[in-house]
């Protein structure tokens, strides 16, 4: 054990005299590594008698602990000295420009939502919202959609297994039209709202995704007719696409919640092989593109909302926000909106300082 005491004393002295972390690591391996001198003594315990082991084990373990603690303390001293050196030498010059860091951007869908809100606010519309988890009554029944309507089918709609307190089935809303019902019930008439938001349908390809964005418009007042609807849509589309040559064509159609119902086509022209909205769709090199659905609010829908259809009339329209963004900013695949590709976001994203305004142009930040 005299040799053990001498070994411990020499080890502690050499550790204290170590010049740097590299020399300290070499000493750790020499004494405590697998082939180290103190580790070798630990291995001799198995060959001792129980009496010898009981006497020697605490001494060897004590030497091992003392050396390990000395190495840890010396290492901490080196680290503290290195930190002091860095603090003394590495100074921050507050007069230098801030380093360039990655910048976030506004997603095109959010930008278009802001553009739509700005345009319709100027037309006297307010923004209304509603729950994305809807009940069957608000999403279908109150909108005059029969029990046999295809949109109610399981393969088109995401249903929940539970029902609400009134026995209505719960689902992810398939359009933002339920907001019309909720707004009319809550606020009565007259009313003038847009209802942008997320909607869900069981569909997925280059132009459809299970979740997408839609905006509904609703006007309820006295003596409203189709002329008011066409003027509103024409004014909106001219402001949104920032073109005065937007031409609309209304085609008879059918929607359960409007009567009469019309599909709205917008004229386009071929510019260097690319379709650009604007111009007469019947002219050579021009055509018509179906853009949105609309119509006069069905009497039954007005009754479901608790209003008198003999006193109040109105119109409604709906259009996909994602599709508007694709048309305006030249995107060709809806799925890219949700891929999270930083390159796509860098290219199509908007600066948060590019707020759409009618005076500067709603697309000024594009």
Protein backbone atom coordinates (compact mmCIF):
# COMPACT_ATOMS: atom_id res chain seq x y z
CA UNK A 1 0.00 0.00 0.00
CA UNK A 2 3.05 2.24 0.29
CA UNK A 3 3.28 1.90 -3.49
CA UNK A 4 -0.42 2.84 -3.81
CA UNK A 5 0.04 5.97 -1.72
CA UNK A 6 3.09 6.93 -3.76
CA UNK A 7 1.16 6.29 -7.01
CA UNK A 8 -1.69 8.49 -5.86
CA UNK A 9 0.66 11.25 -4.75
CA UNK A 10 2.57 11.23 -8.04
CA UNK A 11 -0.66 11.20 -10.03
CA UNK A 12 -2.11 14.19 -8.18
CA UNK A 13 1.13 16.14 -8.61
CA UNK A 14 1.33 15.47 -12.33
CA UNK A 15 -2.34 16.36 -12.79
CA UNK A 16 -1.81 19.67 -11.01
CA UNK A 17 1.20 20.38 -13.23
CA UNK A 18 -0.57 19.54 -16.51
CA UNK A 19 -0.21 22.43 -18.96
CA UNK A 20 -3.33 21.92 -21.07
CA UNK A 21 -6.40 19.76 -21.69
CA UNK A 22 -4.50 17.49 -24.07
CA UNK A 23 -1.86 16.66 -21.44
CA UNK A 24 -4.62 16.15 -18.87
CA UNK A 25 -6.39 13.64 -21.13
CA UNK A 26 -3.14 11.70 -21.53
CA UNK A 27 -2.83 11.47 -17.73
CA UNK A 28 -6.43 10.27 -17.44
CA UNK A 29 -5.69 7.43 -19.85
CA UNK A 30 -2.42 6.62 -18.05
CA UNK A 31 -4.07 6.26 -14.64
CA UNK A 32 -7.75 5.48 -15.28
CA UNK A 33 -7.87 4.05 -18.79
CA UNK A 34 -8.44 0.35 -19.45
CA UNK A 35 -4.69 -0.26 -19.26
CA UNK A 36 -4.08 2.44 -16.65
CA UNK A 37 -2.05 1.82 -13.51
CA UNK A 38 -4.91 2.39 -11.06
CA UNK A 39 -7.29 0.36 -13.24
CA UNK A 40 -4.75 -2.47 -13.09
CA UNK A 41 -4.86 -2.40 -9.31
CA UNK A 42 -8.68 -2.63 -9.43
CA UNK A 43 -8.34 -5.83 -11.48
CA UNK A 44 -6.19 -7.47 -8.75
CA UNK A 45 -9.10 -7.44 -6.31
CA UNK A 46 -10.56 -10.56 -7.87
CA UNK A 47 -7.45 -12.60 -6.99
CA UNK A 48 -7.42 -11.56 -3.33
CA UNK A 49 -8.93 -13.45 -0.43
CA UNK A 50 -12.11 -11.99 1.04
CA UNK A 51 -10.15 -10.62 3.99
CA UNK A 52 -7.55 -8.95 1.74
CA UNK A 53 -10.26 -7.60 -0.56
CA UNK A 54 -12.14 -6.10 2.36
CA UNK A 55 -9.00 -4.30 3.46
CA UNK A 56 -7.55 -3.22 0.09
CA UNK A 57 -10.66 -2.41 -1.97
CA UNK A 58 -11.54 0.85 -0.11
CA UNK A 59 -7.95 2.09 -0.43
CA UNK A 60 -7.71 1.38 -4.17
CA UNK A 61 -11.17 2.82 -4.79
CA UNK A 62 -10.22 5.87 -2.70
CA UNK A 63 -7.12 6.44 -4.84
CA UNK A 64 -9.17 6.05 -8.02
CA UNK A 65 -11.79 8.56 -6.80
CA UNK A 66 -9.12 11.07 -5.72
CA UNK A 67 -7.41 10.95 -9.12
CA UNK A 68 -10.74 11.19 -11.01
CA UNK A 69 -11.84 14.19 -8.92
CA UNK A 70 -8.47 15.90 -9.47
CA UNK A 71 -8.77 15.40 -13.24
CA UNK A 72 -12.34 16.83 -13.25
CA UNK A 73 -11.28 19.85 -11.20
CA UNK A 74 -8.27 20.52 -13.42
CA UNK A 75 -10.46 20.19 -16.55
CA UNK A 76 -12.97 22.69 -15.15
CA UNK A 77 -10.09 25.06 -14.43
CA UNK A 78 -8.92 24.82 -18.04
CA UNK A 79 -12.47 25.46 -19.31
CA UNK A 80 -12.90 28.46 -17.03
CA UNK A 81 -9.58 29.89 -18.19
CA UNK A 82 -10.57 29.39 -21.84
CA UNK A 83 -13.89 31.15 -21.24
CA UNK A 84 -12.10 34.07 -19.61
CA UNK A 85 -9.76 34.28 -22.57
CA UNK A 86 -12.67 34.34 -25.05
CA UNK A 87 -14.54 36.96 -23.04
CA UNK A 88 -11.45 39.14 -23.03
CA UNK A 89 -10.61 38.71 -26.72
CA UNK A 90 -13.99 38.23 -28.46
CA UNK A 91 -15.89 41.48 -28.24
CA UNK A 92 -19.19 42.38 -29.95
CA UNK A 93 -19.10 45.60 -31.93
CA UNK A 94 -22.60 47.00 -31.54
CA UNK A 95 -21.93 49.55 -34.27
CA UNK A 96 -21.71 46.84 -36.97
CA UNK A 97 -24.79 46.05 -39.13
CA UNK A 98 -26.94 43.17 -37.90
CA UNK A 99 -26.08 39.83 -39.55
CA UNK A 100 -28.39 38.73 -42.34
CA UNK A 101 -30.76 36.06 -41.07
CA UNK A 102 -33.41 34.02 -42.90
CA UNK A 103 -36.57 36.02 -43.45
CA UNK A 104 -40.08 34.69 -43.24
CA UNK A 105 -42.71 35.48 -45.84
CA UNK A 106 -46.47 35.72 -46.12
CA UNK A 107 -47.99 32.68 -47.82
CA UNK A 108 -49.82 33.47 -51.08
CA UNK A 109 -53.11 32.19 -49.61
CA UNK A 110 -52.81 34.59 -46.67
CA UNK A 111 -51.87 37.41 -49.03
CA UNK A 112 -54.89 36.78 -51.27
CA UNK A 113 -57.14 36.61 -48.19
CA UNK A 114 -55.90 40.08 -47.24
CA UNK A 115 -56.41 41.33 -50.80
CA UNK A 116 -60.00 40.05 -50.83
CA UNK A 117 -60.76 41.60 -47.44
CA UNK A 118 -59.37 44.95 -48.64
CA UNK A 119 -61.46 44.93 -51.83
CA UNK A 120 -64.72 43.88 -50.21
CA UNK A 121 -64.26 46.24 -47.27
CA UNK A 122 -64.30 49.05 -49.81
CA UNK A 123 -67.64 47.65 -51.08
CA UNK A 124 -69.12 47.72 -47.59
CA UNK A 125 -68.66 44.03 -46.71
CA UNK A 126 -67.54 42.82 -43.28
CA UNK A 127 -65.61 39.61 -42.62
CA UNK A 128 -67.50 36.80 -40.88
CA UNK A 129 -66.12 33.51 -39.55
CA UNK A 130 -67.55 30.25 -38.29
CA UNK A 131 -66.46 26.85 -36.93
CA UNK A 132 -64.59 24.44 -39.18
CA UNK A 133 -66.19 21.50 -37.34
CA UNK A 134 -69.83 21.93 -38.33
CA UNK A 135 -73.10 20.12 -37.78
CA UNK A 136 -75.15 18.54 -40.53
CA UNK A 137 -77.96 21.11 -40.20
CA UNK A 138 -75.83 24.22 -40.81
CA UNK A 139 -73.67 22.59 -43.48
CA UNK A 140 -76.44 20.93 -45.51
CA UNK A 141 -80.04 21.11 -44.30
CA UNK A 142 -80.26 24.87 -43.76
CA UNK A 143 -78.75 25.33 -47.22
CA UNK A 144 -81.63 23.39 -48.82
CA UNK A 145 -79.52 20.32 -49.56
CA UNK A 146 -81.67 17.18 -49.58
CA UNK A 147 -80.77 14.03 -47.67
CA UNK A 148 -79.99 12.36 -50.99
CA UNK A 149 -77.67 15.13 -52.21
CA UNK A 150 -74.32 13.67 -53.44
CA UNK A 151 -72.31 16.11 -51.28
CA UNK A 152 -73.62 14.35 -48.17
CA UNK A 153 -72.02 11.07 -49.22
CA UNK A 154 -69.28 9.60 -47.04
CA UNK A 155 -66.84 9.58 -49.96
CA UNK A 156 -67.20 13.34 -50.37
CA UNK A 157 -67.44 14.51 -46.75
CA UNK A 158 -65.32 13.91 -43.65
CA UNK A 159 -67.83 12.85 -40.96
CA UNK A 160 -67.17 12.40 -37.25
CA UNK A 161 -68.59 9.34 -35.47
CA UNK A 162 -70.33 11.47 -32.81
CA UNK A 163 -73.46 13.62 -32.92
CA UNK A 164 -74.20 16.90 -31.17
CA UNK A 165 -76.80 17.38 -28.42
CA UNK A 166 -79.57 17.83 -31.01
CA UNK A 167 -78.73 14.60 -32.81
CA UNK A 168 -77.04 16.29 -35.79
CA UNK A 169 -74.06 14.52 -37.37
CA UNK A 170 -70.75 16.37 -37.01
CA UNK A 171 -68.37 16.91 -39.92
CA UNK A 172 -65.55 19.02 -41.30
CA UNK A 173 -67.35 21.77 -43.21
CA UNK A 174 -67.37 21.25 -46.98
CA UNK A 175 -67.81 24.97 -47.76
CA UNK A 176 -67.98 28.28 -45.89
CA UNK A 177 -71.69 28.66 -46.69
CA UNK A 178 -72.72 27.66 -43.12
CA UNK A 179 -71.28 31.02 -42.04
CA UNK A 180 -74.06 32.65 -44.10
CA UNK A 181 -76.71 30.86 -42.07
CA UNK A 182 -75.05 31.60 -38.75
CA UNK A 183 -74.60 35.27 -39.65
CA UNK A 184 -78.21 35.73 -40.79
CA UNK A 185 -79.54 34.00 -37.66
CA UNK A 186 -77.33 36.13 -35.42
CA UNK A 187 -77.47 39.51 -37.16
CA UNK A 188 -80.68 39.41 -39.17
CA UNK A 189 -81.00 41.67 -42.20
CA UNK A 190 -79.80 43.71 -43.99
CA UNK A 191 -76.40 42.05 -44.07
CA UNK A 192 -73.34 42.19 -46.31
CA UNK A 193 -70.52 39.76 -45.48
CA UNK A 194 -67.69 37.71 -46.89
CA UNK A 195 -66.73 34.44 -45.22
CA UNK A 196 -63.19 33.27 -46.01
CA UNK A 197 -61.71 30.15 -44.47
CA UNK A 198 -60.58 26.54 -44.71
CA UNK A 199 -62.91 23.84 -46.04
CA UNK A 200 -62.53 20.07 -46.41
CA UNK A 201 -63.52 17.55 -49.06
CA UNK A 202 -62.32 14.06 -49.86
CA UNK A 203 -60.44 14.84 -53.06
CA UNK A 204 -56.78 15.13 -54.08
CA UNK A 205 -54.95 15.82 -57.35
CA UNK A 206 -53.05 18.68 -59.04
CA UNK A 207 -56.05 21.01 -58.74
CA UNK A 208 -57.77 19.57 -55.64
CA UNK A 209 -56.62 18.94 -52.08
CA UNK A 210 -58.49 17.51 -49.04
CA UNK A 211 -58.17 20.91 -47.38
CA UNK A 212 -58.40 24.13 -49.34
CA UNK A 213 -59.56 27.72 -48.92
CA UNK A 214 -62.80 29.28 -50.02
CA UNK A 215 -64.51 32.63 -49.76
CA UNK A 216 -68.29 33.09 -49.74
CA UNK A 217 -70.07 36.37 -50.24
CA UNK A 218 -73.59 37.18 -49.08
CA UNK A 219 -75.82 40.21 -49.47
CA UNK A 220 -79.33 40.29 -47.98
CA UNK A 221 -81.41 43.44 -48.39
CA UNK A 222 -84.62 44.69 -49.98
CA UNK A 223 -85.07 44.64 -53.77
CA UNK A 224 -81.79 42.84 -54.55
CA UNK A 225 -81.52 41.37 -58.08
CA UNK A 226 -79.04 39.65 -60.40
CA UNK A 227 -77.81 42.99 -61.68
CA UNK A 228 -76.43 43.78 -58.23
CA UNK A 229 -74.70 40.39 -58.20
CA UNK A 230 -73.04 40.89 -61.61
CA UNK A 231 -71.89 44.43 -60.77
CA UNK A 232 -70.39 43.26 -57.46
CA UNK A 233 -68.49 40.38 -59.06
CA UNK A 234 -67.29 42.51 -61.96
CA UNK A 235 -66.06 45.24 -59.61
CA UNK A 236 -64.36 42.69 -57.37
CA UNK A 237 -62.58 40.86 -60.21
CA UNK A 238 -61.37 44.07 -61.86
CA UNK A 239 -59.88 45.21 -58.56
CA UNK A 240 -58.38 41.80 -57.74
CA UNK A 241 -56.73 41.16 -61.13
CA UNK A 242 -56.03 44.90 -61.54
CA UNK A 243 -57.42 44.96 -65.09
CA UNK A 244 -60.26 47.05 -66.48
CA UNK A 245 -60.96 44.68 -69.38
CA UNK A 246 -62.41 41.88 -67.24
CA UNK A 247 -65.54 40.58 -68.97
CA UNK A 248 -68.02 38.23 -67.30
CA UNK A 249 -70.48 35.76 -68.73
CA UNK A 250 -73.31 34.33 -66.59
CA UNK A 251 -74.56 30.83 -67.45
CA UNK A 252 -77.66 29.20 -65.91
CA UNK A 253 -76.78 26.49 -63.42
CA UNK A 254 -78.14 24.78 -60.32
CA UNK A 255 -77.18 25.04 -56.66
CA UNK A 256 -79.58 23.97 -53.89
CA UNK A 257 -79.07 27.20 -51.92
CA UNK A 258 -79.60 29.68 -54.80
CA UNK A 259 -82.46 30.17 -57.27
CA UNK A 260 -81.83 31.21 -59.96
CA UNK A 261 -78.23 29.97 -59.98
CA UNK A 262 -75.49 31.07 -62.36
CA UNK A 263 -71.97 29.95 -63.16
CA UNK A 264 -69.66 32.90 -63.78
CA UNK A 265 -67.13 32.68 -66.60
CA UNK A 266 -64.41 35.24 -67.14
CA UNK A 267 -62.84 36.03 -70.49
CA UNK A 268 -59.19 35.20 -71.17
CA UNK A 269 -56.73 35.83 -73.98
CA UNK A 270 -53.64 34.01 -75.16
CA UNK A 271 -50.47 35.98 -74.39
CA UNK A 272 -47.29 34.21 -75.55
CA UNK A 273 -48.82 30.80 -75.00
CA UNK A 274 -50.21 31.64 -71.55
CA UNK A 275 -53.81 32.30 -70.63
CA UNK A 276 -54.23 35.77 -69.15
CA UNK A 277 -57.57 36.93 -67.79
CA UNK A 278 -59.10 39.87 -69.60
CA UNK A 279 -60.71 40.56 -72.96
CA UNK A 280 -63.78 39.29 -74.78
CA UNK A 281 -63.98 35.53 -74.54
CA UNK A 282 -65.72 35.23 -77.91
CA UNK A 283 -62.99 37.02 -79.88
CA UNK A 284 -60.34 35.11 -81.88
CA UNK A 285 -57.51 33.93 -79.63
CA UNK A 286 -59.74 34.38 -76.59
CA UNK A 287 -61.90 32.06 -74.52
CA UNK A 288 -63.99 31.65 -71.38
CA UNK A 289 -62.87 30.21 -68.05
CA UNK A 290 -65.31 29.04 -65.37
CA UNK A 291 -64.37 30.87 -62.18
CA UNK A 292 -67.11 30.79 -59.55
CA UNK A 293 -70.68 29.85 -58.70
CA UNK A 294 -73.35 32.27 -57.57
CA UNK A 295 -77.04 33.11 -57.62
CA UNK A 296 -79.98 34.61 -55.78
CA UNK A 297 -80.40 33.16 -52.29
CA UNK A 298 -83.12 30.50 -52.26
CA UNK A 299 -86.31 31.46 -50.41
CA UNK A 300 -86.05 28.32 -48.28
CA UNK A 301 -82.56 29.30 -47.11
CA UNK A 302 -83.83 32.73 -46.09
CA UNK A 303 -86.67 31.04 -44.18
CA UNK A 304 -84.24 28.65 -42.46
CA UNK A 305 -82.34 31.72 -41.25
CA UNK A 306 -85.52 33.09 -39.67
CA UNK A 307 -86.17 35.89 -42.20
CA UNK A 308 -89.20 36.68 -44.34
CA UNK A 309 -88.34 35.94 -48.02
CA UNK A 310 -91.15 38.22 -49.17
CA UNK A 311 -89.39 41.15 -47.51
CA UNK A 312 -85.72 40.19 -47.90
CA UNK A 313 -83.85 39.03 -50.99
CA UNK A 314 -80.17 38.57 -51.65
CA UNK A 315 -77.37 37.01 -53.62
CA UNK A 316 -74.47 34.74 -52.72
CA UNK A 317 -71.30 33.61 -54.45
CA UNK A 318 -68.39 31.33 -53.70
CA UNK A 319 -64.90 30.95 -55.14
CA UNK A 320 -61.72 29.07 -54.22
CA UNK A 321 -59.06 31.34 -52.74
CA UNK A 322 -56.30 28.95 -53.81
CA UNK A 323 -57.57 29.04 -57.38
CA UNK A 324 -57.62 32.83 -57.41
CA UNK A 325 -54.00 32.81 -56.20
CA UNK A 326 -53.02 30.34 -58.92
CA UNK A 327 -54.63 32.45 -61.65
CA UNK A 328 -53.21 35.75 -60.47
CA UNK A 329 -49.67 34.67 -59.64
CA UNK A 330 -49.08 31.99 -62.27
CA UNK A 331 -49.00 28.78 -60.20
CA UNK A 332 -49.86 25.47 -61.86
CA UNK A 333 -50.08 22.90 -59.04
CA UNK A 334 -52.30 23.34 -55.99
CA UNK A 335 -50.37 20.70 -54.01
CA UNK A 336 -47.32 22.99 -53.89
CA UNK A 337 -49.34 25.32 -51.61
CA UNK A 338 -49.06 22.75 -48.83
CA UNK A 339 -45.66 21.11 -49.47
CA UNK A 340 -43.69 23.58 -47.34
CA UNK A 341 -40.91 23.78 -49.95
CA UNK A 342 -38.75 26.74 -48.89
CA UNK A 343 -37.76 27.45 -52.51
CA UNK A 344 -41.41 27.74 -53.51
CA UNK A 345 -42.14 29.96 -50.52
CA UNK A 346 -39.14 32.17 -51.29
CA UNK A 347 -40.36 32.60 -54.87
CA UNK A 348 -44.09 33.10 -54.29
CA UNK A 349 -44.09 34.46 -50.73
CA UNK A 350 -44.78 38.10 -49.89
CA UNK A 351 -43.01 40.49 -47.57
CA UNK A 352 -45.01 41.17 -44.40
CA UNK A 353 -44.57 44.86 -45.19
CA UNK A 354 -46.37 44.51 -48.56
CA UNK A 355 -49.86 45.14 -47.25
CA UNK A 356 -52.47 45.19 -50.04
CA UNK A 357 -54.20 48.56 -50.44
CA UNK A 358 -56.54 49.84 -53.12
CA UNK A 359 -54.52 53.02 -53.51
CA UNK A 360 -51.18 51.26 -54.09
CA UNK A 361 -52.61 48.20 -55.80
CA UNK A 362 -53.75 45.05 -54.03
CA UNK A 363 -51.00 43.06 -55.76
CA UNK A 364 -48.24 45.62 -55.22
CA UNK A 365 -46.14 43.15 -53.23
CA UNK A 366 -46.15 40.41 -55.85
